[in-house]
Structures are given as C-alpha cells and as structure tokens.
Protein backbone atom coordinates (compact mmCIF):
# COMPACT_ATOMS: atom_id res chain seq x y z
CA MET A 1 -25.32 -59.63 -65.45
CA ARG A 2 -25.12 -61.53 -69.31
CA ARG A 3 -22.50 -63.48 -70.14
CA SER A 4 -20.41 -62.71 -73.58
CA THR A 5 -19.73 -66.26 -73.94
CA PRO A 6 -21.93 -69.59 -74.38
CA ARG A 7 -22.20 -72.14 -71.32
CA GLY A 8 -21.00 -75.96 -71.60
CA LEU A 9 -23.39 -78.41 -72.02
CA GLY A 10 -21.29 -80.63 -69.78
CA GLY A 11 -21.88 -78.41 -66.78
CA ALA A 12 -25.66 -78.18 -68.11
CA VAL A 13 -25.82 -81.49 -67.56
CA ARG A 14 -23.97 -82.67 -64.72
CA ALA A 15 -26.08 -80.12 -62.84
CA VAL A 16 -29.50 -81.21 -63.89
CA ARG A 17 -28.47 -84.79 -63.25
CA GLU A 18 -27.23 -84.05 -59.50
CA ARG A 19 -31.03 -82.98 -59.09
CA ALA A 20 -32.74 -85.35 -60.62
CA ALA A 21 -30.22 -88.54 -58.76
CA PRO A 22 -32.27 -90.05 -55.74
CA ALA A 23 -31.10 -89.18 -52.06
CA THR A 24 -30.63 -92.58 -51.42
CA LEU A 25 -28.11 -94.46 -50.71
CA LEU A 26 -27.90 -96.26 -54.32
CA GLY A 27 -28.24 -93.18 -56.08
CA SER A 28 -25.06 -91.91 -54.26
CA VAL A 29 -23.14 -95.54 -54.68
CA GLN A 30 -24.08 -95.12 -58.15
CA ARG A 31 -23.26 -91.31 -58.68
CA LEU A 32 -19.56 -92.21 -56.82
CA TRP A 33 -18.98 -95.40 -58.61
CA PRO A 34 -16.71 -94.31 -62.04
CA ASP A 35 -14.83 -91.43 -59.24
CA VAL A 36 -14.06 -94.03 -56.53
CA VAL A 37 -12.86 -97.54 -58.38
CA GLY A 38 -11.78 -95.86 -62.04
CA GLU A 39 -13.02 -95.87 -65.06
CA ALA A 40 -11.78 -99.92 -66.18
CA ILE A 41 -14.14 -101.64 -63.05
CA ALA A 42 -16.62 -98.85 -63.88
CA ALA A 43 -16.93 -100.10 -67.45
CA GLU A 44 -17.42 -103.39 -65.84
CA ALA A 45 -19.34 -103.74 -63.09
CA SER A 46 -22.46 -101.34 -61.74
CA PRO A 47 -24.38 -100.38 -58.38
CA ILE A 48 -27.80 -101.93 -58.84
CA ALA A 49 -30.07 -102.54 -55.46
CA GLU A 50 -29.91 -101.19 -52.31
CA ARG A 51 -31.22 -103.35 -49.16
CA ASP A 52 -30.66 -102.60 -45.38
CA GLY A 53 -26.94 -100.90 -46.16
CA ILE A 54 -25.63 -103.66 -48.97
CA VAL A 55 -25.28 -102.50 -52.29
CA ARG A 56 -25.34 -105.68 -55.03
CA VAL A 57 -23.23 -104.84 -57.71
CA SER A 58 -23.57 -106.20 -61.17
CA CYS A 59 -20.61 -107.62 -63.31
CA ARG A 60 -20.04 -108.19 -66.43
CA SER A 61 -18.58 -111.83 -65.46
CA ALA A 62 -18.05 -114.17 -62.61
CA ALA A 63 -14.09 -113.61 -63.15
CA TRP A 64 -14.76 -109.62 -62.61
CA ALA A 65 -17.29 -110.64 -59.53
CA GLN A 66 -14.86 -112.56 -57.73
CA GLU A 67 -11.81 -110.39 -58.54
CA LEU A 68 -14.29 -107.27 -57.30
CA ASP A 69 -15.44 -109.44 -53.77
CA LEU A 70 -11.52 -109.07 -52.97
CA LEU A 71 -11.54 -105.67 -53.23
CA ALA A 72 -14.87 -105.19 -51.24
CA PRO A 73 -13.29 -103.84 -48.12
CA ASP A 74 -11.10 -101.39 -50.13
CA LEU A 75 -13.96 -100.58 -51.78
CA THR A 76 -16.61 -100.10 -49.02
CA LYS A 77 -13.69 -98.04 -47.26
CA ARG A 78 -13.22 -95.58 -50.12
CA LEU A 79 -16.76 -95.21 -50.96
CA ASN A 80 -17.88 -94.87 -47.17
CA ALA A 81 -15.53 -91.85 -47.03
CA ARG A 82 -17.44 -89.88 -48.94
CA LEU A 83 -20.84 -91.11 -48.67
CA ASP A 84 -22.99 -89.21 -45.97
CA ARG A 85 -24.54 -92.61 -44.53
CA PRO A 86 -22.33 -95.57 -44.50
CA LEU A 87 -22.19 -98.38 -46.26
CA ALA A 88 -22.33 -101.72 -44.84
CA ALA A 89 -21.00 -104.18 -47.41
CA LEU A 90 -21.14 -104.76 -51.50
CA ARG A 91 -21.84 -107.74 -53.13
CA PHE A 92 -21.20 -108.76 -56.64
CA THR A 93 -23.07 -110.90 -58.87
CA ALA A 94 -22.49 -111.99 -62.36
CA ASP A 95 -24.71 -110.67 -64.64
CA ALA A 96 -23.68 -111.07 -68.52
CA ALA A 97 -26.85 -109.98 -69.88
CA ARG A 98 -26.45 -106.65 -68.57
CA TYR A 99 -23.67 -105.94 -70.45
CA ASP A 100 -24.67 -108.02 -73.33
CA PRO A 101 -27.49 -107.41 -75.51
CA SER A 102 -26.83 -110.85 -77.35
CA ALA A 103 -26.51 -112.97 -73.97
CA GLY A 104 -28.22 -115.52 -73.04
CA ARG A 105 -30.19 -115.34 -76.05
CA PRO A 106 -29.88 -119.07 -77.95
CA ASP A 107 -29.69 -117.63 -81.41
CA GLY A 108 -26.68 -115.22 -80.32
CA ARG A 109 -28.64 -111.83 -81.75
C-alpha cells in the first residue's frame, strides 16, 4: 500500500545510520552517548577509542576531563544499563584540537 504523505527525512537518516554503525562496543557507546550524558556534556566530550572494554573520551578541556572523571562511575553504570556488552571503564582526556580547529596552531588560524 502506498502512503499518501511523504515520510520525514529524519527517520530515514536514523535508520541508515543505525544500519551503518559498526557493531562494536565503541560504536554502541557513541550511539548512546548523547542520550545517556545529555546535550551539554555531549557537546564537550565524545567517545573516540576503545580497548579491552575501556572507552577513551576526548574532552574539550582539562576541566571537562576532570569533571567527567568524577562522574565516570555513574556514567559507566548508565551506559552499561543500555549496552549489550558491558563497558569496563571510561577514561577522559583533554583534546582541545579535536574541538577547535585553530587550537595548536601558532598563527591562531
């Protein structure tokens, strides 16, 4: 049966993104991250690597890395409640260059 109204693009993009996401622990954490931590934290920190169940999260600043390190037990618990494979730990690092293209360039451009 054909639909008489067009479908929203958001649903189609979401479906494609979910099918294309790697079936790894890192991929699962990246997919859940904004929902679990909220928009404010997701804008300042993002999961970038995983090894042996430990996910490394890149933060905009050392202050964010330190704050999130204090929240790590709660964030790990909330992520594990939604993951198929448990996360061992979260490790936070400061990486301003990942968020600010001019960071680390002597000319500031």
